N, C-alpha and C. Protein backbone atom coordinates (compact mmCIF):
# COMPACT_ATOMS: atom_id res chain seq x y z
N MET A 1 -10.20 31.53 -22.20
CA MET A 1 -8.47 31.13 -21.51
C MET A 1 -8.30 29.69 -21.79
N ILE A 2 -6.73 28.97 -21.73
CA ILE A 2 -6.50 28.07 -22.04
C ILE A 2 -5.68 27.22 -20.90
N GLY A 3 -5.84 25.95 -20.32
CA GLY A 3 -4.89 25.47 -19.31
C GLY A 3 -4.16 25.00 -20.03
N ILE A 4 -2.91 25.01 -19.29
CA ILE A 4 -1.43 23.95 -20.21
C ILE A 4 -1.06 23.36 -18.54
N ARG A 5 -0.86 22.33 -19.13
CA ARG A 5 -0.31 21.36 -17.65
C ARG A 5 1.14 20.91 -18.31
N LEU A 6 2.12 21.38 -18.00
CA LEU A 6 3.70 21.25 -18.26
C LEU A 6 3.95 20.20 -16.80
N ILE A 7 4.64 19.03 -17.71
CA ILE A 7 5.08 17.50 -17.05
C ILE A 7 7.19 17.48 -17.13
N GLY A 8 7.71 17.24 -16.27
CA GLY A 8 9.10 17.00 -16.61
C GLY A 8 9.94 17.45 -15.66
N THR A 9 11.32 17.26 -15.79
CA THR A 9 12.21 17.48 -14.71
C THR A 9 12.29 19.14 -14.93
N PRO A 10 12.46 19.50 -13.94
CA PRO A 10 12.71 21.20 -13.26
C PRO A 10 13.26 21.72 -14.81
N ALA A 11 14.48 21.39 -15.17
CA ALA A 11 14.97 22.46 -16.42
C ALA A 11 13.80 21.99 -17.53
N GLU A 12 13.46 20.69 -18.23
CA GLU A 12 12.25 20.79 -19.11
C GLU A 12 11.19 21.19 -18.80
N VAL A 13 10.65 21.61 -17.69
CA VAL A 13 9.55 22.52 -17.31
C VAL A 13 9.82 23.65 -18.14
N ALA A 14 11.12 24.32 -17.25
CA ALA A 14 11.02 25.81 -17.24
C ALA A 14 11.65 26.43 -19.18
N GLU A 15 12.28 25.26 -19.40
CA GLU A 15 12.54 25.31 -21.47
C GLU A 15 10.99 25.14 -21.95
N ALA A 16 10.32 24.31 -21.84
CA ALA A 16 8.88 24.60 -22.30
C ALA A 16 7.91 25.71 -21.84
N ALA A 17 8.05 26.28 -20.42
CA ALA A 17 7.27 27.25 -20.07
C ALA A 17 7.88 28.68 -21.16
N LEU A 18 9.33 28.71 -21.11
CA LEU A 18 9.80 29.46 -22.01
C LEU A 18 9.26 29.61 -23.75
N ILE A 19 9.16 28.37 -24.10
CA ILE A 19 7.99 28.18 -25.85
C ILE A 19 7.27 28.30 -25.53
N VAL A 20 6.25 28.20 -24.52
CA VAL A 20 4.71 28.64 -24.50
C VAL A 20 4.68 29.93 -24.22
N ARG A 21 5.78 30.96 -23.38
CA ARG A 21 5.31 32.14 -23.42
C ARG A 21 5.66 32.88 -25.19
N GLU A 22 6.44 32.43 -25.94
CA GLU A 22 6.55 33.04 -27.04
C GLU A 22 5.52 32.83 -28.27
N ALA A 23 4.31 31.83 -27.83
CA ALA A 23 3.47 31.78 -28.89
C ALA A 23 2.18 31.76 -28.02
N PHE A 24 2.15 32.47 -26.77
CA PHE A 24 1.02 32.76 -26.15
C PHE A 24 1.18 34.04 -24.53
N ILE A 25 0.05 34.30 -24.53
CA ILE A 25 0.08 35.26 -23.26
C ILE A 25 -0.29 34.52 -22.08
N VAL A 26 0.89 34.22 -21.00
CA VAL A 26 0.85 33.67 -19.85
C VAL A 26 -0.36 34.69 -19.00
N THR A 27 -1.32 34.25 -18.55
CA THR A 27 -1.85 35.23 -17.55
C THR A 27 -1.95 34.74 -16.34
N GLY A 28 -1.35 33.47 -16.21
CA GLY A 28 -1.24 32.99 -14.41
C GLY A 28 -0.59 31.68 -14.34
N PHE A 29 -0.36 31.08 -13.43
CA PHE A 29 0.79 29.76 -13.14
C PHE A 29 0.37 29.37 -11.65
N ARG A 30 0.58 28.48 -11.48
CA ARG A 30 0.68 27.36 -10.68
C ARG A 30 1.53 26.25 -10.36
N GLY A 31 2.20 26.30 -9.63
CA GLY A 31 3.41 25.22 -8.84
C GLY A 31 4.92 26.27 -9.57
N PRO A 32 5.92 25.80 -9.46
CA PRO A 32 6.03 23.92 -9.73
C PRO A 32 5.41 23.24 -8.40
N TYR A 33 4.65 21.71 -8.84
CA TYR A 33 4.58 20.94 -7.55
C TYR A 33 5.38 19.62 -8.09
N PRO A 34 5.70 19.14 -7.38
CA PRO A 34 6.25 17.57 -7.32
C PRO A 34 4.99 16.71 -8.07
N SER A 35 6.15 16.17 -9.06
CA SER A 35 4.84 14.93 -9.91
C SER A 35 4.52 13.52 -8.68
N ARG A 36 3.29 13.67 -9.63
CA ARG A 36 2.90 12.44 -8.55
C ARG A 36 3.29 11.25 -8.82
N HIS A 37 3.86 11.09 -10.00
CA HIS A 37 4.55 9.74 -10.35
C HIS A 37 5.88 9.36 -10.22
N THR A 38 6.29 10.39 -10.61
CA THR A 38 7.83 10.31 -10.76
C THR A 38 8.40 11.35 -10.04
N SER A 39 9.63 10.90 -9.00
CA SER A 39 10.00 12.00 -7.81
C SER A 39 11.01 13.01 -8.01
N ALA A 40 11.48 12.50 -9.96
CA ALA A 40 12.42 13.58 -10.37
C ALA A 40 11.52 14.50 -11.11
N HIS A 41 10.53 14.74 -11.67
CA HIS A 41 9.61 15.33 -12.10
C HIS A 41 8.93 16.35 -11.81
N VAL A 42 8.41 17.42 -12.01
CA VAL A 42 7.87 18.67 -11.42
C VAL A 42 6.53 18.50 -12.65
N ARG A 43 5.32 19.40 -11.92
CA ARG A 43 4.06 19.73 -12.58
C ARG A 43 3.98 21.17 -12.49
N LEU A 44 3.48 21.94 -13.81
CA LEU A 44 3.33 23.08 -13.55
C LEU A 44 2.21 23.70 -14.54
N TYR A 45 1.45 24.40 -14.10
CA TYR A 45 0.09 24.62 -14.52
C TYR A 45 0.14 26.40 -15.01
N LEU A 46 -0.14 26.21 -16.50
CA LEU A 46 -0.32 27.78 -17.04
C LEU A 46 -1.41 28.08 -17.59
N GLU A 47 -2.22 28.96 -17.13
CA GLU A 47 -3.04 29.84 -17.50
C GLU A 47 -2.63 30.81 -19.02
N VAL A 48 -3.37 30.61 -20.24
CA VAL A 48 -2.76 31.06 -21.11
C VAL A 48 -3.80 31.88 -21.96
N GLN A 49 -3.59 33.01 -22.72
CA GLN A 49 -4.60 33.20 -23.92
C GLN A 49 -3.67 33.55 -25.38
N PRO A 50 -4.24 33.44 -26.62
CA PRO A 50 -3.90 33.59 -27.67
C PRO A 50 -3.31 35.16 -27.82
N SER A 51 -2.10 34.84 -28.25
CA SER A 51 -1.48 36.33 -28.25
C SER A 51 -1.66 37.15 -29.61
């Protein structure tokens, strides 16, 4: 299993998650959670495996 953390605006994180799905099999996720440092950003954690 590989863990990936995405941080950015909600739109950026959603777009990045779609790109990750093209390269990996997403087996789980947590979030989105508010960013601890920037109020306009969110964090999303993905669990993936190679496709």
